[in-house]
Amino acid sequence: MKKLFAVMVAVMALVAFSASAWAQAAPGNTVVIGARIWQDLGYQNLSKELTTNKKDDVTTAFTNLTTSSYFNALITAPDKTTGAKIEFGLGAKIGNNEAASLRYAYGWWKVGNCKLVAGLDDSLLGSLAFSAKQGLGAGQNAKLLMSEWGYIYSSRQPLVRFEYEAGMFGFSIAAVQPAAQALPSQPTGTDIYASLPRFDITGKIQAGGFLTMPGFGIGTVKYQGVAAGWDDSATMWIALLPVKYTAGPFTVKANIFTGNNTDIEWDGGLSAGLGAAPKSVPLFDAKGKVKDTKATGGFLSAEYAIGQLTLVAGYGMVKSENDLWTKANGYKNEDYTRNAWFVGLPYDVTKNFQVGPEFAYYNYGDNVTTGKEYGNEWLLGLYFKFVF
């Protein structure tokens, strides 16, 4: 009940804020209220390797209001040069587990071809414009948009971002709060901190139905209190090339990426969906030397619209490698690969209501230490989206 009350308070506060902004507008800010209800209904199957008992496959039914649901307000000044966006995420799962979260809270100022954004937002590295139409399982097991299975999304972090766009070209640079600074201390008993923000840089080329936003991101965290001779810092970086092309009813989206320790900063906030599978993070060897985990991967999806129905299919893959994963160190595998694919039939019942039948399959690859399978997972069901 306390969580439900918190949700109600958050929603009422947003309504009151937006109503107040509207009422006090003179000569008049423009305030637009929006909402999205995103409900999942389906089945999730975990192979025995992923279950608690480790002996039996488990298939469970789920019906969740995912936290991709939201209530928001978009505010624009009369001269159109400044504005703000505030958005609360809303969710509910098994056990009356209701929750409200802050998804966006930023302001912007635009002059000429330049734009300044400050607040809680994504950095545009791995823009949502390139995301696959994979939407089942976000509330059940952190499965959304093929994030962590080939698609890269910067997550929403506090940032300051500068953008420039003229004609078909543009670029942006963002100073971002490093997500790694919130990680548990590693090694144990040390303090982890960032002396500089993370920096995400993206370009933009758009011509007709073609769009690409190549990007590069880099961040560093430091450790205070490590033993003498140990490394006291770790660096995360990523290089990304996403593309999107639309011709009539057909759309294809794809990206490829490479980098070190990418799961710390550019995981879309969905690394929890990987369970115990290896993640692209820095590891320390016995002598206190940082060993970066290299990651490469990408995804490809295709969409074909037939009236109100869209046929969607996609495949994603991520491969990780670390110098510690060698047979000389007792590991069975010297690299790790996971992959996934999905098919869906999203149908626009009205311009505000969509139903999306979907099947998605996730193969977690082989355990680098034992060589045995990590297991696999599948999701089958529908998602219902009401967007206003």
Protein backbone atom coordinates (compact mmCIF):
# COMPACT_ATOMS: atom_id res chain seq x y z
CA MET A 1 0.00 0.00 0.00
CA LYS A 2 2.87 2.37 0.75
CA LYS A 3 4.26 1.92 -2.75
CA LEU A 4 0.84 2.42 -4.28
CA PHE A 5 0.41 5.59 -2.23
CA ALA A 6 3.80 6.81 -3.46
CA VAL A 7 2.70 6.23 -7.06
CA MET A 8 -0.51 8.18 -6.49
CA VAL A 9 1.35 11.07 -4.86
CA ALA A 10 3.83 11.22 -7.75
CA VAL A 11 1.09 11.27 -10.38
CA MET A 12 -0.98 13.87 -8.52
CA ALA A 13 2.12 16.04 -8.06
CA LEU A 14 2.79 15.96 -11.80
CA VAL A 15 -0.82 16.81 -12.60
CA ALA A 16 -0.79 19.65 -10.08
CA PHE A 17 2.50 20.94 -11.44
CA SER A 18 1.36 20.91 -15.04
CA ALA A 19 -2.01 22.46 -14.18
CA SER A 20 -0.26 25.19 -12.21
CA ALA A 21 2.11 25.88 -15.08
CA TRP A 22 -0.85 26.15 -17.42
CA ALA A 23 -2.85 28.41 -15.11
CA GLN A 24 0.05 30.80 -14.47
CA ALA A 25 1.05 31.07 -18.10
CA ALA A 26 0.98 34.71 -19.14
CA PRO A 27 1.30 35.24 -22.02
CA GLY A 28 1.19 31.45 -21.93
CA ASN A 29 3.51 28.49 -21.83
CA THR A 30 2.37 25.49 -23.85
CA VAL A 31 1.85 22.44 -21.65
CA VAL A 32 1.14 19.04 -23.18
CA ILE A 33 0.26 16.10 -20.95
CA GLY A 34 1.08 12.60 -22.19
CA ALA A 35 0.72 9.05 -20.93
CA ARG A 36 1.53 5.48 -21.89
CA ILE A 37 0.18 2.27 -20.41
CA TRP A 38 2.30 -0.74 -21.38
CA GLN A 39 0.95 -4.07 -20.15
CA ASP A 40 2.50 -7.50 -20.76
CA LEU A 41 0.61 -10.79 -20.83
CA GLY A 42 2.47 -13.98 -21.59
CA TYR A 43 4.60 -16.96 -20.64
CA GLN A 44 8.28 -17.13 -19.71
CA ASN A 45 10.28 -20.35 -19.91
CA LEU A 46 13.64 -20.82 -18.20
CA SER A 47 15.73 -23.90 -18.94
CA LYS A 48 16.93 -25.84 -15.89
CA GLU A 49 20.33 -24.11 -15.95
CA LEU A 50 18.61 -20.78 -15.19
CA THR A 51 16.18 -22.04 -12.53
CA THR A 52 16.77 -22.11 -8.78
CA ASN A 53 16.43 -25.90 -8.47
CA LYS A 54 18.77 -26.54 -11.44
CA LYS A 55 16.90 -29.75 -12.30
CA ASP A 56 13.73 -28.73 -14.11
CA ASP A 57 12.68 -26.24 -16.74
CA VAL A 58 10.15 -23.74 -15.38
CA THR A 59 7.39 -22.02 -17.38
CA THR A 60 5.46 -19.25 -15.66
CA ALA A 61 2.59 -17.02 -16.71
CA PHE A 62 3.02 -13.31 -16.16
CA THR A 63 0.95 -10.17 -16.51
CA ASN A 64 2.87 -7.01 -15.65
CA LEU A 65 2.41 -3.28 -16.01
CA THR A 66 5.95 -2.49 -17.11
CA THR A 67 7.87 0.55 -15.88
CA SER A 68 8.04 1.61 -19.53
CA SER A 69 4.58 3.00 -18.76
CA TYR A 70 4.71 6.71 -17.99
CA PHE A 71 2.93 9.96 -17.25
CA ASN A 72 4.64 13.10 -18.52
CA ALA A 73 4.43 16.82 -19.13
CA LEU A 74 6.10 18.73 -21.98
CA ILE A 75 6.40 22.46 -21.36
CA THR A 76 7.41 24.98 -24.04
CA ALA A 77 7.92 28.71 -23.55
CA PRO A 78 5.94 31.14 -25.76
CA ASP A 79 9.03 32.06 -27.81
CA LYS A 80 9.79 28.34 -28.46
CA THR A 81 13.43 28.78 -27.42
CA THR A 82 13.21 26.96 -24.09
CA GLY A 83 11.28 24.06 -22.67
CA ALA A 84 11.29 21.12 -20.29
CA LYS A 85 10.20 17.51 -20.02
CA ILE A 86 9.26 15.70 -16.83
CA GLU A 87 8.28 12.03 -16.94
CA PHE A 88 7.42 9.49 -14.25
CA GLY A 89 7.60 5.77 -14.93
CA LEU A 90 4.77 3.65 -13.54
CA GLY A 91 4.83 -0.09 -12.98
CA ALA A 92 3.16 -2.98 -11.14
CA LYS A 93 4.08 -6.66 -10.87
CA ILE A 94 3.34 -9.75 -8.82
CA GLY A 95 2.71 -9.22 -5.09
CA ASN A 96 1.25 -5.72 -5.40
CA ASN A 97 4.73 -4.51 -6.30
CA GLU A 98 3.70 -1.07 -7.49
CA ALA A 99 6.39 1.48 -8.22
CA ALA A 100 6.94 4.99 -9.52
CA SER A 101 10.26 6.15 -10.94
CA LEU A 102 11.75 9.22 -12.53
CA ARG A 103 12.40 8.61 -16.23
CA TYR A 104 13.12 12.11 -17.55
CA ALA A 105 13.57 15.55 -16.01
CA TYR A 106 15.42 18.00 -18.23
CA GLY A 107 15.28 21.46 -19.67
CA TRP A 108 16.45 22.72 -23.05
CA TRP A 109 17.42 25.97 -24.72
CA LYS A 110 17.64 26.35 -28.49
CA VAL A 111 19.18 29.14 -30.52
CA GLY A 112 19.76 28.87 -34.25
CA ASN A 113 21.20 25.46 -35.09
CA CYS A 114 22.38 24.87 -31.52
CA LYS A 115 20.60 23.26 -28.58
CA LEU A 116 21.59 22.85 -24.94
CA VAL A 117 20.00 20.11 -22.80
CA ALA A 118 20.56 19.74 -19.04
CA GLY A 119 19.00 17.25 -16.63
CA LEU A 120 18.06 13.56 -16.66
CA ASP A 121 18.07 12.32 -20.25
CA ASP A 122 19.83 9.87 -22.58
CA SER A 123 22.98 11.00 -24.35
CA LEU A 124 21.87 10.11 -27.93
CA LEU A 125 24.63 7.47 -28.11
CA GLY A 126 22.57 4.51 -29.28
CA SER A 127 19.49 6.59 -29.96
CA LEU A 128 16.05 5.02 -29.53
CA ALA A 129 15.50 5.79 -33.22
CA PHE A 130 17.47 2.59 -33.94
CA SER A 131 15.83 0.31 -31.38
CA ALA A 132 14.17 -2.92 -32.46
CA LYS A 133 10.40 -3.28 -32.00
CA GLN A 134 10.90 -5.95 -29.35
CA GLY A 135 8.69 -5.17 -26.37
CA LEU A 136 7.66 -8.29 -24.44
CA GLY A 137 9.25 -9.09 -21.08
CA ALA A 138 10.47 -5.72 -19.82
CA GLY A 139 8.56 -6.16 -16.58
CA GLN A 140 9.20 -9.90 -16.22
CA ASN A 141 12.92 -10.25 -16.84
CA ALA A 142 14.38 -6.97 -18.14
CA LYS A 143 13.94 -7.85 -21.81
CA LEU A 144 13.31 -4.80 -23.98
CA LEU A 145 14.45 -3.48 -27.39
CA MET A 146 17.21 -6.15 -27.66
CA SER A 147 19.23 -4.10 -25.17
CA GLU A 148 22.15 -6.20 -23.87
CA TRP A 149 21.60 -8.56 -26.81
CA GLY A 150 23.19 -6.43 -29.54
CA TYR A 151 21.41 -3.08 -29.26
CA ILE A 152 23.21 -0.30 -27.37
CA TYR A 153 21.34 2.34 -25.37
CA SER A 154 23.10 4.92 -23.21
CA SER A 155 20.52 4.79 -20.40
CA ARG A 156 19.07 7.90 -18.78
CA GLN A 157 21.68 9.61 -16.63
CA PRO A 158 22.12 13.18 -15.33
CA LEU A 159 23.94 15.06 -18.08
CA VAL A 160 24.65 18.28 -19.92
CA ARG A 161 24.46 17.89 -23.71
CA PHE A 162 25.24 20.24 -26.59
CA GLU A 163 23.75 19.59 -30.03
CA TYR A 164 24.30 21.16 -33.43
CA GLU A 165 22.27 20.35 -36.53
CA ALA A 166 22.25 21.93 -39.97
CA GLY A 167 20.60 20.32 -42.97
CA MET A 168 21.41 16.64 -43.19
CA PHE A 169 24.35 16.81 -40.73
CA GLY A 170 24.64 17.15 -36.98
CA PHE A 171 26.59 16.17 -33.88
CA SER A 172 26.28 16.15 -30.11
CA ILE A 173 28.58 15.91 -27.11
CA ALA A 174 27.36 15.04 -23.63
CA ALA A 175 29.02 15.19 -20.21
CA VAL A 176 27.31 12.33 -18.36
CA GLN A 177 27.25 11.14 -14.75
CA PRO A 178 29.21 7.85 -14.88
CA ALA A 179 26.99 4.92 -13.93
CA ALA A 180 30.10 3.01 -12.77
CA GLN A 181 30.48 5.37 -9.82
CA ALA A 182 27.43 3.71 -8.26
CA LEU A 183 28.92 0.19 -8.48
CA PRO A 184 29.90 -1.77 -5.36
CA SER A 185 33.50 -1.20 -4.36
CA GLN A 186 36.00 -3.35 -6.26
CA PRO A 187 38.37 -4.38 -4.76
CA THR A 188 36.43 -4.69 -1.50
CA GLY A 189 37.25 -2.00 1.02
CA THR A 190 38.12 0.70 -1.51
CA ASP A 191 36.28 3.82 -2.58
CA ILE A 192 35.21 4.17 -6.19
CA TYR A 193 34.89 7.63 -7.71
CA ALA A 194 35.05 9.57 -10.97
CA SER A 195 37.30 12.60 -11.39
CA LEU A 196 35.70 13.48 -14.75
CA PRO A 197 32.27 12.93 -16.31
CA ARG A 198 31.71 10.27 -18.93
CA PHE A 199 31.72 11.77 -22.42
CA ASP A 200 29.43 10.54 -25.21
CA ILE A 201 29.97 11.98 -28.70
CA THR A 202 27.66 11.29 -31.63
CA GLY A 203 27.43 12.41 -35.24
CA LYS A 204 24.33 12.45 -37.41
CA ILE A 205 23.69 12.03 -41.13
CA GLN A 206 20.12 11.96 -42.42
CA ALA A 207 19.10 11.89 -46.04
CA GLY A 208 15.64 10.79 -47.10
CA GLY A 209 14.89 7.46 -45.48
CA PHE A 210 18.51 6.95 -44.36
CA LEU A 211 19.73 7.78 -40.84
CA THR A 212 23.00 7.04 -39.06
CA MET A 213 24.40 8.36 -35.77
CA PRO A 214 27.92 6.96 -35.26
CA GLY A 215 29.18 7.51 -31.75
CA PHE A 216 32.02 7.13 -29.27
CA GLY A 217 31.84 7.11 -25.48
CA ILE A 218 34.53 7.04 -22.80
CA GLY A 219 34.61 7.16 -19.01
CA THR A 220 37.05 6.41 -16.18
CA VAL A 221 36.59 5.46 -12.55
CA LYS A 222 39.27 5.42 -9.87
CA TYR A 223 39.78 3.34 -6.74
CA GLN A 224 41.02 4.89 -3.51
CA GLY A 225 42.63 2.64 -0.92
CA VAL A 226 44.04 -0.14 -3.12
CA ALA A 227 47.20 -1.94 -2.04
CA ALA A 228 50.58 -0.70 -3.22
CA GLY A 229 51.31 -1.79 -6.78
CA TRP A 230 47.65 -2.37 -7.66
CA ASP A 231 45.94 -0.56 -10.52
CA ASP A 232 43.87 2.34 -9.20
CA SER A 233 41.66 3.07 -12.24
CA ALA A 234 39.55 1.44 -14.94
CA THR A 235 38.42 2.83 -18.28
CA MET A 236 35.23 2.11 -20.19
CA TRP A 237 34.84 2.96 -23.87
CA ILE A 238 32.58 2.11 -26.79
CA ALA A 239 32.45 2.80 -30.54
CA LEU A 240 29.08 2.39 -32.22
CA LEU A 241 27.72 2.51 -35.76
CA PRO A 242 23.88 2.36 -35.98
CA VAL A 243 21.92 2.68 -39.24
CA LYS A 244 18.27 2.90 -40.17
CA TYR A 245 16.75 2.86 -43.64
CA THR A 246 13.11 3.21 -44.59
CA ALA A 247 11.70 2.73 -48.07
CA GLY A 248 7.90 2.73 -48.28
CA PRO A 249 6.53 0.04 -45.94
CA PHE A 250 9.97 -1.52 -45.33
CA THR A 251 12.37 -0.49 -42.52
CA VAL A 252 15.67 -2.05 -41.55
CA LYS A 253 17.63 -1.18 -38.40
CA ALA A 254 21.08 -2.36 -37.42
CA ASN A 255 24.13 -1.51 -35.39
CA ILE A 256 27.59 -2.86 -34.69
CA PHE A 257 29.73 -1.94 -31.70
CA THR A 258 33.00 -2.69 -29.97
CA GLY A 259 34.51 -1.52 -26.70
CA ASN A 260 35.85 -2.34 -23.26
CA ASN A 261 33.71 -2.76 -20.13
CA THR A 262 30.62 -1.63 -22.03
CA ASP A 263 28.03 -3.15 -19.68
CA ILE A 264 28.86 -0.65 -16.94
CA GLU A 265 27.84 2.45 -18.85
CA TRP A 266 25.88 1.58 -21.99
CA ASP A 267 23.65 -1.35 -20.99
CA GLY A 268 20.30 0.46 -21.15
CA GLY A 269 19.87 -0.29 -17.46
CA LEU A 270 18.95 -3.88 -18.35
CA SER A 271 22.05 -5.88 -17.40
CA ALA A 272 19.99 -7.47 -14.61
CA GLY A 273 18.33 -9.50 -17.35
CA LEU A 274 21.62 -11.37 -17.91
CA GLY A 275 21.54 -13.05 -14.52
CA ALA A 276 24.85 -14.77 -13.71
CA ALA A 277 26.11 -14.64 -17.31
CA PRO A 278 29.40 -12.78 -17.82
CA LYS A 279 29.18 -9.03 -18.31
CA SER A 280 31.61 -6.68 -19.99
CA VAL A 281 33.18 -5.19 -16.85
CA PRO A 282 36.77 -4.67 -15.58
CA LEU A 283 38.19 -7.55 -13.53
CA PHE A 284 41.21 -7.65 -11.22
CA ASP A 285 43.77 -10.46 -11.42
CA ALA A 286 45.59 -11.88 -8.40
CA LYS A 287 48.31 -9.23 -8.69
CA GLY A 288 45.84 -6.35 -8.71
CA LYS A 289 46.05 -5.58 -12.41
CA VAL A 290 42.87 -4.48 -14.19
CA LYS A 291 41.86 -6.79 -17.02
CA ASP A 292 39.34 -5.18 -19.35
CA THR A 293 36.51 -7.25 -20.80
CA LYS A 294 36.25 -6.54 -24.51
CA ALA A 295 32.82 -6.72 -26.09
CA THR A 296 31.76 -6.76 -29.74
CA GLY A 297 28.33 -7.32 -31.20
CA GLY A 298 25.32 -5.92 -32.91
CA PHE A 299 21.81 -6.58 -34.10
CA LEU A 300 19.70 -6.52 -37.24
CA SER A 301 15.93 -6.12 -37.42
CA ALA A 302 13.47 -5.74 -40.28
CA GLU A 303 9.93 -4.31 -40.30
CA TYR A 304 7.31 -4.51 -43.02
CA ALA A 305 4.07 -2.58 -42.62
CA ILE A 306 0.83 -3.89 -44.13
CA GLY A 307 -1.83 -1.37 -43.28
CA GLN A 308 -2.21 -1.38 -39.49
CA LEU A 309 -0.16 -4.57 -39.12
CA THR A 310 3.66 -4.71 -39.01
CA LEU A 311 5.74 -7.84 -39.49
CA VAL A 312 8.87 -7.63 -37.35
CA ALA A 313 11.88 -9.93 -36.90
CA GLY A 314 15.35 -9.45 -35.46
CA TYR A 315 18.58 -11.10 -34.35
CA GLY A 316 21.27 -9.91 -31.92
CA MET A 317 24.65 -11.16 -30.72
CA VAL A 318 27.29 -10.13 -28.17
CA LYS A 319 30.75 -11.64 -27.77
CA SER A 320 32.99 -10.93 -24.76
CA GLU A 321 36.66 -11.68 -24.12
CA ASN A 322 38.97 -11.14 -21.14
CA ASP A 323 42.66 -11.92 -20.69
CA LEU A 324 41.79 -13.79 -17.50
CA TRP A 325 39.63 -16.27 -19.40
CA THR A 326 42.45 -18.55 -20.53
CA LYS A 327 42.92 -22.28 -20.24
CA ALA A 328 46.20 -21.56 -18.48
CA ASN A 329 44.14 -19.94 -15.72
CA GLY A 330 41.78 -22.90 -15.55
CA TYR A 331 38.96 -21.61 -17.78
CA LYS A 332 37.24 -23.98 -20.19
CA ASN A 333 36.39 -21.22 -22.68
CA GLU A 334 38.46 -18.22 -23.68
CA ASP A 335 35.51 -16.13 -24.83
CA TYR A 336 31.78 -15.86 -24.27
CA THR A 337 28.95 -15.40 -26.77
CA ARG A 338 25.21 -14.92 -26.26
CA ASN A 339 22.56 -14.36 -28.91
CA ALA A 340 18.84 -13.79 -29.29
CA TRP A 341 16.15 -13.52 -31.92
CA PHE A 342 12.50 -12.50 -32.00
CA VAL A 343 9.45 -12.26 -34.25
CA GLY A 344 6.43 -10.05 -33.68
CA LEU A 345 3.19 -8.79 -35.22
CA PRO A 346 2.39 -5.38 -33.67
CA TYR A 347 -1.07 -4.23 -34.73
CA ASP A 348 -2.36 -0.66 -34.45
CA VAL A 349 -5.97 -1.08 -33.36
CA THR A 350 -6.30 2.72 -33.27
CA LYS A 351 -3.75 5.52 -33.41
CA ASN A 352 -3.57 5.34 -29.60
CA PHE A 353 -3.81 1.57 -29.00
CA GLN A 354 -1.43 -1.18 -30.14
CA VAL A 355 -1.41 -4.94 -29.50
CA GLY A 356 1.86 -6.78 -30.08
CA PRO A 357 1.98 -10.61 -30.27
CA GLU A 358 5.61 -11.69 -29.91
CA PHE A 359 7.95 -14.64 -29.47
CA ALA A 360 11.55 -14.09 -28.33
CA TYR A 361 14.33 -16.60 -27.68
CA TYR A 362 17.53 -15.94 -25.69
CA ASN A 363 20.55 -18.24 -25.66
CA TYR A 364 22.95 -17.42 -22.82
CA GLY A 365 25.90 -19.29 -24.30
CA ASP A 366 28.44 -21.43 -22.47
CA ASN A 367 29.93 -20.88 -19.03
CA VAL A 368 33.52 -19.67 -19.42
CA THR A 369 34.67 -21.51 -16.30
CA THR A 370 32.98 -24.90 -16.78
CA GLY A 371 32.21 -25.00 -20.49
CA LYS A 372 28.63 -26.05 -19.70
CA GLU A 373 25.58 -24.23 -21.03
CA TYR A 374 24.29 -21.22 -19.12
CA GLY A 375 20.85 -22.09 -20.47
CA ASN A 376 18.17 -20.47 -22.57
CA GLU A 377 14.95 -18.53 -22.14
CA TRP A 378 11.91 -17.85 -24.25
CA LEU A 379 9.02 -15.41 -23.96
CA LEU A 380 5.67 -15.77 -25.69
CA GLY A 381 2.70 -13.46 -25.35
CA LEU A 382 1.21 -10.04 -26.02
CA TYR A 383 1.96 -6.51 -25.01
CA PHE A 384 -0.77 -3.86 -24.93
CA LYS A 385 0.19 -0.20 -25.40
CA PHE A 386 -2.08 2.80 -24.94
CA VAL A 387 -0.25 5.99 -25.91
CA PHE A 388 -1.60 9.52 -25.53
